[in-house]
Amino acid sequence: MESGEILISGSKILYSYTAKAGIKKNLVLIDINGEGIWNDIRAPDRIVQWNVNVYMPVFPGNEGENSKYHGSIDTASEFYYDFVQAMKLKNVMLMGEGINADVALKCSMNHPEKYSNVIVVDGTGYEGYAEELYRVQKPVLLVWGGARGYRETMIGQSYHDLIAGSVFKVFDGSKRPLKDSTDRFFSMLRNYIAID
């Protein structure tokens, strides 16, 4: 991975990326808490092999109330929109796990013209914006760990029911597909995003 820096709303934003010239697909990995899951599972290195450029901006909302992006899923989604705009990215897919998945969905609702696909892994629930999910008009892949229990799986099923045309995959025996079913997850993801 390489590192870069870009000016967004008067602040220098650091980002990591793996990109090849001539590739037209771009994937932005969302991580508002700085957990580093994407690096832990080597997501950028794997995904770039499928002719998809990968970008991971460092979310500034953790800098406290001084950040314009602090405080909500909506403001976090605006940061990712601003990043895509500043980078002049086209044909952008978004992927997030947990709360990051909800940020990805909000991005696609607030700025549908900017995003081509959304990958949601174990979303936290859509409390407060369920009535808005109909606005997601892009292809959405929903991935859920089936071993988390019936209630959690039904949350995933509810997302699927509310998002027209979404694809819902349950990983039986998995509590966290990114961690405990990593190879299976990437095999399925490759089939989903590398088709064209």
N, C-alpha and C. Protein backbone atom coordinates (compact mmCIF):
# COMPACT_ATOMS: atom_id res chain seq x y z
N MET A 1 0.84 -1.18 0.00
CA MET A 1 0.00 0.00 0.00
C MET A 1 0.88 1.24 0.00
N GLU A 2 0.39 2.22 -0.69
CA GLU A 2 1.06 3.51 -0.71
C GLU A 2 0.25 4.49 0.14
N SER A 3 0.86 5.60 0.47
CA SER A 3 0.18 6.62 1.27
C SER A 3 0.09 7.90 0.48
N GLY A 4 -0.95 8.65 0.76
CA GLY A 4 -1.13 9.95 0.13
C GLY A 4 -1.78 10.90 1.10
N GLU A 5 -1.94 12.12 0.64
CA GLU A 5 -2.58 13.15 1.46
C GLU A 5 -3.32 14.07 0.51
N ILE A 6 -4.50 14.47 0.93
CA ILE A 6 -5.32 15.35 0.10
C ILE A 6 -6.00 16.38 1.00
N LEU A 7 -6.22 17.56 0.48
CA LEU A 7 -6.87 18.63 1.23
C LEU A 7 -8.39 18.53 1.06
N ILE A 8 -9.09 18.39 2.18
CA ILE A 8 -10.56 18.32 2.16
C ILE A 8 -11.07 19.28 3.23
N SER A 9 -11.89 20.23 2.82
CA SER A 9 -12.47 21.21 3.75
C SER A 9 -11.41 21.87 4.63
N GLY A 10 -10.27 22.18 4.04
CA GLY A 10 -9.22 22.87 4.77
C GLY A 10 -8.35 21.99 5.64
N SER A 11 -8.59 20.69 5.66
CA SER A 11 -7.78 19.77 6.47
C SER A 11 -7.04 18.79 5.58
N LYS A 12 -5.81 18.47 5.98
CA LYS A 12 -5.05 17.45 5.27
C LYS A 12 -5.55 16.08 5.71
N ILE A 13 -5.99 15.30 4.75
CA ILE A 13 -6.51 13.97 5.03
C ILE A 13 -5.51 12.94 4.49
N LEU A 14 -5.07 12.06 5.37
CA LEU A 14 -4.19 10.98 4.96
C LEU A 14 -5.03 9.84 4.40
N TYR A 15 -4.49 9.13 3.45
CA TYR A 15 -5.17 7.95 2.94
C TYR A 15 -4.13 6.95 2.44
N SER A 16 -4.52 5.69 2.46
CA SER A 16 -3.72 4.62 1.90
C SER A 16 -4.42 4.16 0.64
N TYR A 17 -3.64 3.66 -0.29
CA TYR A 17 -4.26 3.20 -1.53
C TYR A 17 -3.39 2.16 -2.22
N THR A 18 -4.03 1.36 -3.01
CA THR A 18 -3.39 0.42 -3.91
C THR A 18 -4.09 0.61 -5.23
N ALA A 19 -3.36 1.12 -6.21
CA ALA A 19 -4.00 1.45 -7.49
C ALA A 19 -3.07 1.11 -8.64
N LYS A 20 -3.68 0.77 -9.75
CA LYS A 20 -2.95 0.50 -10.99
C LYS A 20 -3.51 1.42 -12.07
N ALA A 21 -2.63 1.88 -12.93
CA ALA A 21 -3.05 2.76 -14.03
C ALA A 21 -4.00 2.01 -14.97
N GLY A 22 -4.98 2.73 -15.46
CA GLY A 22 -5.90 2.15 -16.43
C GLY A 22 -7.08 1.39 -15.85
N ILE A 23 -7.09 1.18 -14.55
CA ILE A 23 -8.21 0.47 -13.92
C ILE A 23 -9.35 1.45 -13.69
N LYS A 24 -10.55 1.03 -14.04
CA LYS A 24 -11.70 1.93 -13.97
C LYS A 24 -12.57 1.74 -12.74
N LYS A 25 -12.40 0.63 -12.03
CA LYS A 25 -13.21 0.40 -10.82
C LYS A 25 -12.43 0.85 -9.60
N ASN A 26 -13.16 1.45 -8.67
CA ASN A 26 -12.57 1.94 -7.42
C ASN A 26 -13.41 1.48 -6.25
N LEU A 27 -12.74 1.09 -5.18
CA LEU A 27 -13.42 0.68 -3.95
C LEU A 27 -12.89 1.52 -2.81
N VAL A 28 -13.80 2.13 -2.07
CA VAL A 28 -13.43 2.88 -0.87
C VAL A 28 -13.84 2.04 0.33
N LEU A 29 -12.86 1.74 1.18
CA LEU A 29 -13.10 0.97 2.40
C LEU A 29 -13.35 1.94 3.54
N ILE A 30 -14.45 1.72 4.24
CA ILE A 30 -14.88 2.64 5.30
C ILE A 30 -14.47 2.10 6.66
N ASP A 31 -13.84 2.98 7.46
CA ASP A 31 -13.41 2.61 8.81
C ASP A 31 -13.42 3.87 9.67
N ILE A 32 -14.58 4.22 10.22
CA ILE A 32 -14.69 5.47 10.98
C ILE A 32 -14.09 5.37 12.38
N ASN A 33 -13.85 4.17 12.88
CA ASN A 33 -13.30 4.01 14.22
C ASN A 33 -11.80 3.73 14.22
N GLY A 34 -11.20 3.62 13.06
CA GLY A 34 -9.77 3.35 12.98
C GLY A 34 -9.37 1.98 13.48
N GLU A 35 -10.26 1.00 13.32
CA GLU A 35 -10.00 -0.35 13.82
C GLU A 35 -8.95 -1.10 13.00
N GLY A 36 -8.78 -0.75 11.74
CA GLY A 36 -7.77 -1.39 10.92
C GLY A 36 -8.11 -2.78 10.41
N ILE A 37 -9.39 -3.15 10.44
CA ILE A 37 -9.79 -4.49 10.00
C ILE A 37 -9.36 -4.75 8.56
N TRP A 38 -9.44 -3.74 7.71
CA TRP A 38 -9.13 -3.96 6.29
C TRP A 38 -7.67 -4.34 6.08
N ASN A 39 -6.77 -3.71 6.83
CA ASN A 39 -5.36 -4.10 6.74
C ASN A 39 -5.11 -5.45 7.38
N ASP A 40 -5.81 -5.72 8.49
CA ASP A 40 -5.64 -7.00 9.17
C ASP A 40 -5.92 -8.19 8.25
N ILE A 41 -6.90 -8.05 7.39
CA ILE A 41 -7.27 -9.16 6.50
C ILE A 41 -6.69 -8.98 5.09
N ARG A 42 -5.79 -8.01 4.95
CA ARG A 42 -5.10 -7.74 3.68
C ARG A 42 -6.07 -7.45 2.53
N ALA A 43 -7.14 -6.77 2.82
CA ALA A 43 -8.17 -6.48 1.81
C ALA A 43 -7.61 -5.73 0.60
N PRO A 44 -6.86 -4.65 0.78
CA PRO A 44 -6.37 -3.93 -0.41
C PRO A 44 -5.52 -4.80 -1.33
N ASP A 45 -4.60 -5.57 -0.74
CA ASP A 45 -3.72 -6.42 -1.55
C ASP A 45 -4.49 -7.48 -2.33
N ARG A 46 -5.52 -8.01 -1.73
CA ARG A 46 -6.32 -9.04 -2.40
C ARG A 46 -7.18 -8.43 -3.51
N ILE A 47 -7.82 -7.32 -3.20
CA ILE A 47 -8.80 -6.74 -4.12
C ILE A 47 -8.14 -6.12 -5.34
N VAL A 48 -6.98 -5.51 -5.19
CA VAL A 48 -6.32 -4.89 -6.35
C VAL A 48 -5.97 -5.94 -7.40
N GLN A 49 -5.81 -7.18 -7.00
CA GLN A 49 -5.52 -8.26 -7.95
C GLN A 49 -6.69 -8.51 -8.90
N TRP A 50 -7.86 -8.03 -8.55
CA TRP A 50 -9.06 -8.21 -9.39
C TRP A 50 -9.28 -7.00 -10.30
N ASN A 51 -8.28 -6.18 -10.46
CA ASN A 51 -8.38 -4.96 -11.26
C ASN A 51 -9.38 -3.97 -10.68
N VAL A 52 -9.26 -3.77 -9.38
CA VAL A 52 -10.06 -2.78 -8.66
C VAL A 52 -9.09 -1.97 -7.80
N ASN A 53 -9.07 -0.66 -7.97
CA ASN A 53 -8.25 0.20 -7.12
C ASN A 53 -8.92 0.33 -5.76
N VAL A 54 -8.10 0.40 -4.70
CA VAL A 54 -8.62 0.43 -3.33
C VAL A 54 -8.09 1.66 -2.61
N TYR A 55 -9.00 2.37 -1.94
CA TYR A 55 -8.65 3.58 -1.19
C TYR A 55 -9.18 3.46 0.24
N MET A 56 -8.32 3.87 1.21
CA MET A 56 -8.72 3.87 2.62
C MET A 56 -8.34 5.20 3.25
N PRO A 57 -9.26 6.17 3.22
CA PRO A 57 -8.95 7.45 3.87
C PRO A 57 -9.02 7.32 5.39
N VAL A 58 -8.20 8.10 6.08
CA VAL A 58 -8.23 8.14 7.54
C VAL A 58 -9.35 9.10 7.93
N PHE A 59 -10.34 8.57 8.61
CA PHE A 59 -11.52 9.36 8.99
C PHE A 59 -11.15 10.38 10.07
N PRO A 60 -11.41 11.68 9.83
CA PRO A 60 -11.03 12.72 10.79
C PRO A 60 -12.04 12.94 11.91
N GLY A 61 -13.17 12.29 11.88
CA GLY A 61 -14.21 12.53 12.87
C GLY A 61 -13.83 12.12 14.27
N ASN A 62 -12.75 11.35 14.41
CA ASN A 62 -12.31 10.93 15.74
C ASN A 62 -11.49 12.01 16.44
N GLU A 63 -11.29 13.13 15.76
CA GLU A 63 -10.55 14.24 16.35
C GLU A 63 -11.41 15.06 17.30
N GLY A 64 -12.62 14.61 17.52
CA GLY A 64 -13.50 15.29 18.46
C GLY A 64 -14.42 16.28 17.79
N GLU A 65 -15.03 17.10 18.61
CA GLU A 65 -16.05 18.02 18.13
C GLU A 65 -15.51 19.10 17.20
N ASN A 66 -14.19 19.24 17.13
CA ASN A 66 -13.60 20.23 16.22
C ASN A 66 -13.69 19.79 14.77
N SER A 67 -13.97 18.53 14.54
CA SER A 67 -14.06 18.03 13.18
C SER A 67 -15.46 18.25 12.63
N LYS A 68 -15.52 18.70 11.41
CA LYS A 68 -16.80 18.90 10.72
C LYS A 68 -17.56 17.58 10.57
N TYR A 69 -16.83 16.47 10.60
CA TYR A 69 -17.42 15.16 10.34
C TYR A 69 -17.74 14.38 11.62
N HIS A 70 -17.60 14.99 12.76
CA HIS A 70 -17.84 14.33 14.04
C HIS A 70 -19.33 14.20 14.34
N GLY A 71 -19.73 13.07 14.89
CA GLY A 71 -21.04 13.03 15.50
C GLY A 71 -22.10 12.10 14.97
N SER A 72 -22.12 11.76 13.69
CA SER A 72 -23.23 10.93 13.22
C SER A 72 -22.86 10.17 11.95
N ILE A 73 -23.71 9.22 11.62
CA ILE A 73 -23.54 8.47 10.38
C ILE A 73 -23.66 9.42 9.19
N ASP A 74 -24.56 10.39 9.27
CA ASP A 74 -24.73 11.34 8.17
C ASP A 74 -23.47 12.17 7.93
N THR A 75 -22.87 12.68 9.01
CA THR A 75 -21.66 13.49 8.82
C THR A 75 -20.50 12.62 8.35
N ALA A 76 -20.43 11.39 8.82
CA ALA A 76 -19.39 10.47 8.34
C ALA A 76 -19.58 10.20 6.85
N SER A 77 -20.84 10.03 6.43
CA SER A 77 -21.08 9.77 5.00
C SER A 77 -20.66 10.98 4.16
N GLU A 78 -20.80 12.18 4.70
CA GLU A 78 -20.37 13.37 3.97
C GLU A 78 -18.85 13.40 3.80
N PHE A 79 -18.12 12.91 4.80
CA PHE A 79 -16.67 12.83 4.65
C PHE A 79 -16.29 11.94 3.47
N TYR A 80 -16.90 10.77 3.38
CA TYR A 80 -16.55 9.85 2.28
C TYR A 80 -16.96 10.44 0.93
N TYR A 81 -18.07 11.14 0.89
CA TYR A 81 -18.46 11.84 -0.34
C TYR A 81 -17.41 12.89 -0.71
N ASP A 82 -17.00 13.69 0.29
CA ASP A 82 -15.99 14.72 0.04
C ASP A 82 -14.67 14.10 -0.43
N PHE A 83 -14.31 12.95 0.14
CA PHE A 83 -13.09 12.26 -0.29
C PHE A 83 -13.18 11.83 -1.75
N VAL A 84 -14.29 11.21 -2.11
CA VAL A 84 -14.48 10.76 -3.50
C VAL A 84 -14.44 11.95 -4.45
N GLN A 85 -15.07 13.06 -4.05
CA GLN A 85 -15.05 14.27 -4.87
C GLN A 85 -13.63 14.81 -5.03
N ALA A 86 -12.92 14.94 -3.91
CA ALA A 86 -11.57 15.50 -3.94
C ALA A 86 -10.62 14.64 -4.77
N MET A 87 -10.80 13.33 -4.72
CA MET A 87 -9.94 12.41 -5.47
C MET A 87 -10.39 12.28 -6.93
N LYS A 88 -11.56 12.83 -7.23
CA LYS A 88 -12.13 12.74 -8.59
C LYS A 88 -12.31 11.29 -9.04
N LEU A 89 -12.78 10.46 -8.10
CA LEU A 89 -12.99 9.04 -8.41
C LEU A 89 -14.32 8.83 -9.11
N LYS A 90 -14.32 7.92 -10.03
CA LYS A 90 -15.55 7.51 -10.75
C LYS A 90 -15.75 6.02 -10.51
N ASN A 91 -16.95 5.53 -10.80
CA ASN A 91 -17.27 4.11 -10.66
C ASN A 91 -16.80 3.59 -9.30
N VAL A 92 -17.34 4.17 -8.24
CA VAL A 92 -16.89 3.91 -6.88
C VAL A 92 -17.84 2.95 -6.17
N MET A 93 -17.24 1.91 -5.60
CA MET A 93 -17.96 0.99 -4.72
C MET A 93 -17.55 1.33 -3.29
N LEU A 94 -18.45 1.05 -2.35
CA LEU A 94 -18.18 1.29 -0.94
C LEU A 94 -18.33 -0.02 -0.19
N MET A 95 -17.47 -0.23 0.82
CA MET A 95 -17.62 -1.42 1.65
C MET A 95 -17.35 -1.05 3.10
N GLY A 96 -18.24 -1.54 3.97
CA GLY A 96 -18.08 -1.32 5.39
C GLY A 96 -18.63 -2.47 6.20
N GLU A 97 -18.09 -2.62 7.40
CA GLU A 97 -18.55 -3.64 8.34
C GLU A 97 -19.09 -2.94 9.58
N GLY A 98 -20.18 -3.48 10.15
CA GLY A 98 -20.75 -2.89 11.35
C GLY A 98 -21.27 -1.49 11.08
N ILE A 99 -20.92 -0.55 11.94
CA ILE A 99 -21.36 0.84 11.77
C ILE A 99 -20.86 1.41 10.44
N ASN A 100 -19.71 0.95 9.98
CA ASN A 100 -19.16 1.40 8.71
C ASN A 100 -20.06 1.01 7.54
N ALA A 101 -20.75 -0.11 7.67
CA ALA A 101 -21.71 -0.54 6.64
C ALA A 101 -22.87 0.44 6.56
N ASP A 102 -23.30 0.92 7.71
CA ASP A 102 -24.39 1.89 7.72
C ASP A 102 -23.94 3.23 7.12
N VAL A 103 -22.69 3.59 7.34
CA VAL A 103 -22.14 4.80 6.69
C VAL A 103 -22.17 4.62 5.17
N ALA A 104 -21.78 3.44 4.70
CA ALA A 104 -21.79 3.17 3.25
C ALA A 104 -23.20 3.31 2.68
N LEU A 105 -24.18 2.77 3.38
CA LEU A 105 -25.57 2.89 2.91
C LEU A 105 -26.01 4.34 2.89
N LYS A 106 -25.66 5.10 3.93
CA LYS A 106 -26.02 6.52 3.96
C LYS A 106 -25.39 7.27 2.79
N CYS A 107 -24.14 6.93 2.48
CA CYS A 107 -23.47 7.56 1.32
C CYS A 107 -24.29 7.33 0.06
N SER A 108 -24.72 6.10 -0.14
CA SER A 108 -25.45 5.78 -1.38
C SER A 108 -26.83 6.40 -1.41
N MET A 109 -27.40 6.68 -0.24
CA MET A 109 -28.70 7.36 -0.19
C MET A 109 -28.54 8.85 -0.44
N ASN A 110 -27.51 9.45 0.17
CA ASN A 110 -27.33 10.89 0.09
C ASN A 110 -26.75 11.36 -1.24
N HIS A 111 -25.95 10.50 -1.88
CA HIS A 111 -25.29 10.88 -3.14
C HIS A 111 -25.27 9.69 -4.10
N PRO A 112 -26.42 9.23 -4.54
CA PRO A 112 -26.48 8.02 -5.37
C PRO A 112 -25.71 8.13 -6.68
N GLU A 113 -25.53 9.34 -7.16
CA GLU A 113 -24.83 9.52 -8.44
C GLU A 113 -23.35 9.17 -8.35
N LYS A 114 -22.80 9.09 -7.17
CA LYS A 114 -21.37 8.88 -6.98
C LYS A 114 -20.96 7.42 -6.83
N TYR A 115 -21.90 6.55 -6.50
CA TYR A 115 -21.53 5.19 -6.12
C TYR A 115 -22.20 4.16 -7.01
N SER A 116 -21.46 3.10 -7.34
CA SER A 116 -21.99 2.06 -8.21
C SER A 116 -22.52 0.85 -7.44
N ASN A 117 -21.90 0.50 -6.33
CA ASN A 117 -22.27 -0.67 -5.54
C ASN A 117 -21.97 -0.39 -4.07
N VAL A 118 -22.64 -1.15 -3.20
CA VAL A 118 -22.37 -1.07 -1.77
C VAL A 118 -22.27 -2.50 -1.24
N ILE A 119 -21.24 -2.74 -0.43
CA ILE A 119 -21.08 -4.04 0.23
C ILE A 119 -21.23 -3.79 1.73
N VAL A 120 -22.24 -4.42 2.32
CA VAL A 120 -22.58 -4.25 3.73
C VAL A 120 -22.26 -5.56 4.44
N VAL A 121 -21.38 -5.51 5.44
CA VAL A 121 -21.03 -6.70 6.21
C VAL A 121 -21.49 -6.48 7.65
N ASP A 122 -22.42 -7.32 8.09
CA ASP A 122 -22.90 -7.27 9.48
C ASP A 122 -23.25 -5.86 9.94
N GLY A 123 -24.14 -5.20 9.21
CA GLY A 123 -24.60 -3.87 9.60
C GLY A 123 -25.16 -3.88 11.01
N THR A 124 -25.10 -2.74 11.67
CA THR A 124 -25.52 -2.66 13.07
C THR A 124 -27.02 -2.52 13.26
N GLY A 125 -27.72 -2.20 12.21
CA GLY A 125 -29.16 -1.96 12.31
C GLY A 125 -29.45 -0.57 11.81
N TYR A 126 -30.63 -0.38 11.32
CA TYR A 126 -30.96 0.86 10.62
C TYR A 126 -31.88 1.73 11.45
N GLU A 127 -31.79 1.60 12.76
CA GLU A 127 -32.64 2.40 13.64
C GLU A 127 -32.46 3.88 13.32
N GLY A 128 -33.55 4.55 13.10
CA GLY A 128 -33.51 5.97 12.79
C GLY A 128 -33.52 6.28 11.31
N TYR A 129 -33.29 5.28 10.47
CA TYR A 129 -33.35 5.58 9.04
C TYR A 129 -33.95 4.45 8.20
N ALA A 130 -34.71 3.56 8.81
CA ALA A 130 -35.35 2.46 8.08
C ALA A 130 -36.23 2.97 6.95
N GLU A 131 -36.95 4.05 7.23
CA GLU A 131 -37.87 4.60 6.23
C GLU A 131 -37.13 5.19 5.03
N GLU A 132 -35.82 5.35 5.14
CA GLU A 132 -35.02 5.91 4.04
C GLU A 132 -34.37 4.84 3.16
N LEU A 133 -34.34 3.61 3.61
CA LEU A 133 -33.60 2.58 2.87
C LEU A 133 -34.12 2.34 1.46
N TYR A 134 -35.37 2.70 1.20
CA TYR A 134 -35.89 2.56 -0.16
C TYR A 134 -35.09 3.42 -1.14
N ARG A 135 -34.40 4.44 -0.62
CA ARG A 135 -33.63 5.35 -1.48
C ARG A 135 -32.34 4.72 -2.02
N VAL A 136 -31.96 3.57 -1.47
CA VAL A 136 -30.77 2.90 -1.99
C VAL A 136 -31.15 2.27 -3.32
N GLN A 137 -30.65 2.83 -4.39
CA GLN A 137 -31.03 2.40 -5.74
C GLN A 137 -29.85 1.76 -6.47
N LYS A 138 -28.86 1.33 -5.75
CA LYS A 138 -27.67 0.70 -6.33
C LYS A 138 -27.63 -0.76 -5.91
N PRO A 139 -26.86 -1.58 -6.63
CA PRO A 139 -26.70 -2.97 -6.19
C PRO A 139 -26.06 -3.02 -4.80
N VAL A 140 -26.64 -3.81 -3.92
CA VAL A 140 -26.13 -3.95 -2.56
C VAL A 140 -25.95 -5.43 -2.24
N LEU A 141 -24.75 -5.76 -1.76
CA LEU A 141 -24.47 -7.09 -1.27
C LEU A 141 -24.48 -7.03 0.24
N LEU A 142 -25.33 -7.84 0.86
CA LEU A 142 -25.44 -7.91 2.32
C LEU A 142 -24.83 -9.23 2.77
N VAL A 143 -23.83 -9.18 3.65
CA VAL A 143 -23.15 -10.38 4.14
C VAL A 143 -23.31 -10.42 5.65
N TRP A 144 -23.82 -11.54 6.15
CA TRP A 144 -24.07 -11.67 7.58
C TRP A 144 -23.45 -12.95 8.11
N GLY A 145 -22.93 -12.87 9.33
CA GLY A 145 -22.46 -14.06 10.02
C GLY A 145 -23.64 -14.76 10.68
N GLY A 146 -23.92 -15.98 10.25
CA GLY A 146 -25.08 -16.72 10.74
C GLY A 146 -24.96 -17.22 12.16
N ALA A 147 -23.73 -17.35 12.67
CA ALA A 147 -23.54 -17.89 14.02
C ALA A 147 -23.74 -16.84 15.11
N ARG A 148 -24.08 -15.63 14.73
CA ARG A 148 -24.33 -14.57 15.71
C ARG A 148 -25.71 -14.69 16.34
N GLY A 149 -26.52 -15.56 15.78
CA GLY A 149 -27.84 -15.78 16.36
C GLY A 149 -28.97 -15.36 15.44
N TYR A 150 -30.13 -15.86 15.77
CA TYR A 150 -31.32 -15.63 14.95
C TYR A 150 -31.65 -14.15 14.83
N ARG A 151 -31.62 -13.44 15.95
CA ARG A 151 -31.98 -12.01 15.95
C ARG A 151 -31.07 -11.23 15.00
N GLU A 152 -29.76 -11.47 15.09
CA GLU A 152 -28.81 -10.75 14.23
C GLU A 152 -29.02 -11.09 12.76
N THR A 153 -29.29 -12.35 12.47
CA THR A 153 -29.54 -12.75 11.08
C THR A 153 -30.81 -12.09 10.56
N MET A 154 -31.81 -11.94 11.41
CA MET A 154 -33.05 -11.29 11.00
C MET A 154 -32.85 -9.79 10.73
N ILE A 155 -31.88 -9.18 11.40
CA ILE A 155 -31.55 -7.79 11.07
C ILE A 155 -31.07 -7.73 9.63
N GLY A 156 -30.20 -8.65 9.25
CA GLY A 156 -29.73 -8.71 7.87
C GLY A 156 -30.87 -8.96 6.90
N GLN A 157 -31.77 -9.86 7.26
CA GLN A 157 -32.92 -10.15 6.41
C GLN A 157 -33.79 -8.91 6.25
N SER A 158 -33.90 -8.12 7.32
CA SER A 158 -34.69 -6.88 7.25
C SER A 158 -34.07 -5.87 6.29
N TYR A 159 -32.75 -5.74 6.35
CA TYR A 159 -32.09 -4.88 5.36
C TYR A 159 -32.46 -5.36 3.95
N HIS A 160 -32.34 -6.65 3.74
CA HIS A 160 -32.63 -7.25 2.43
C HIS A 160 -34.06 -6.94 1.99
N ASP A 161 -35.00 -7.07 2.92
CA ASP A 161 -36.41 -6.79 2.61
C ASP A 161 -36.64 -5.32 2.25
N LEU A 162 -35.87 -4.43 2.86
CA LEU A 162 -36.07 -2.99 2.67
C LEU A 162 -35.29 -2.40 1.48
N ILE A 163 -34.27 -3.11 1.01
CA ILE A 163 -33.44 -2.60 -0.09
C ILE A 163 -33.75 -3.41 -1.34
N ALA A 164 -34.46 -2.80 -2.26
CA ALA A 164 -34.86 -3.49 -3.49
C ALA A 164 -33.64 -4.00 -4.25
N GLY A 165 -33.71 -5.24 -4.69
CA GLY A 165 -32.66 -5.80 -5.52
C GLY A 165 -31.38 -6.18 -4.79
N SER A 166 -31.39 -6.12 -3.46
CA SER A 166 -30.18 -6.49 -2.73
C SER A 166 -29.98 -8.00 -2.76
N VAL A 167 -28.74 -8.42 -2.55
CA VAL A 167 -28.38 -9.83 -2.47
C VAL A 167 -27.97 -10.08 -1.02
N PHE A 168 -28.56 -11.11 -0.39
CA PHE A 168 -28.31 -11.40 1.02
C PHE A 168 -27.63 -12.75 1.15
N LYS A 169 -26.42 -12.75 1.73
CA LYS A 169 -25.65 -13.98 1.94
C LYS A 169 -25.40 -14.16 3.43
N VAL A 170 -25.76 -15.32 3.94
CA VAL A 170 -25.51 -15.66 5.34
C VAL A 170 -24.39 -16.69 5.38
N PHE A 171 -23.37 -16.42 6.16
CA PHE A 171 -22.26 -17.36 6.34
C PHE A 171 -22.56 -18.20 7.57
N ASP A 172 -23.16 -19.37 7.35
CA ASP A 172 -23.46 -20.27 8.47
C ASP A 172 -22.16 -20.63 9.19
N GLY A 173 -22.23 -20.69 10.50
CA GLY A 173 -21.07 -21.06 11.30
C GLY A 173 -20.08 -19.93 11.50
N SER A 174 -20.39 -18.75 11.01
CA SER A 174 -19.47 -17.61 11.12
C SER A 174 -20.08 -16.55 12.02
N LYS A 175 -19.29 -16.04 12.95
CA LYS A 175 -19.75 -14.92 13.77
C LYS A 175 -19.36 -13.59 13.15
N ARG A 176 -18.22 -13.59 12.49
CA ARG A 176 -17.71 -12.36 11.86
C ARG A 176 -17.01 -12.75 10.56
N PRO A 177 -17.73 -12.72 9.45
CA PRO A 177 -17.18 -13.21 8.18
C PRO A 177 -15.81 -12.65 7.80
N LEU A 178 -15.55 -11.40 8.11
CA LEU A 178 -14.25 -10.83 7.75
C LEU A 178 -13.11 -11.49 8.51
N LYS A 179 -13.37 -11.93 9.73
CA LYS A 179 -12.32 -12.51 10.58
C LYS A 179 -12.28 -14.03 10.53
N ASP A 180 -13.43 -14.67 10.69
CA ASP A 180 -13.40 -16.13 10.82
C ASP A 180 -13.74 -16.89 9.55
N SER A 181 -14.08 -16.19 8.49
CA SER A 181 -14.34 -16.82 7.18
C SER A 181 -13.72 -15.96 6.07
N THR A 182 -12.51 -15.48 6.32
CA THR A 182 -11.88 -14.50 5.44
C THR A 182 -11.76 -14.99 4.00
N ASP A 183 -11.22 -16.18 3.80
CA ASP A 183 -11.04 -16.68 2.43
C ASP A 183 -12.37 -16.87 1.72
N ARG A 184 -13.34 -17.40 2.43
CA ARG A 184 -14.68 -17.58 1.85
C ARG A 184 -15.28 -16.22 1.49
N PHE A 185 -15.11 -15.25 2.38
CA PHE A 185 -15.63 -13.91 2.12
C PHE A 185 -15.02 -13.34 0.85
N PHE A 186 -13.71 -13.41 0.72
CA PHE A 186 -13.06 -12.83 -0.46
C PHE A 186 -13.41 -13.58 -1.75
N SER A 187 -13.61 -14.87 -1.66
CA SER A 187 -14.04 -15.63 -2.83
C SER A 187 -15.40 -15.14 -3.32
N MET A 188 -16.32 -14.98 -2.38
CA MET A 188 -17.66 -14.50 -2.72
C MET A 188 -17.60 -13.05 -3.21
N LEU A 189 -16.79 -12.22 -2.55
CA LEU A 189 -16.67 -10.81 -2.93
C LEU A 189 -16.11 -10.68 -4.34
N ARG A 190 -15.13 -11.49 -4.65
CA ARG A 190 -14.54 -11.42 -6.00
C ARG A 190 -15.60 -11.69 -7.06
N ASN A 191 -16.42 -12.69 -6.84
CA ASN A 191 -17.49 -12.99 -7.79
C ASN A 191 -18.47 -11.84 -7.92
N TYR A 192 -18.64 -11.10 -6.84
CA TYR A 192 -19.61 -10.00 -6.85
C TYR A 192 -19.05 -8.74 -7.53
N ILE A 193 -17.83 -8.34 -7.19
CA ILE A 193 -17.35 -7.04 -7.69
C ILE A 193 -16.48 -7.13 -8.93
N ALA A 194 -15.94 -8.28 -9.24
CA ALA A 194 -15.03 -8.37 -10.37
C ALA A 194 -15.74 -8.72 -11.67
N ILE A 195 -17.06 -8.87 -11.63
CA ILE A 195 -17.82 -9.20 -12.83
C ILE A 195 -18.02 -7.95 -13.66
N ASP A 196 -17.67 -8.02 -14.91
CA ASP A 196 -17.93 -6.94 -15.89
C ASP A 196 -17.47 -7.37 -17.25
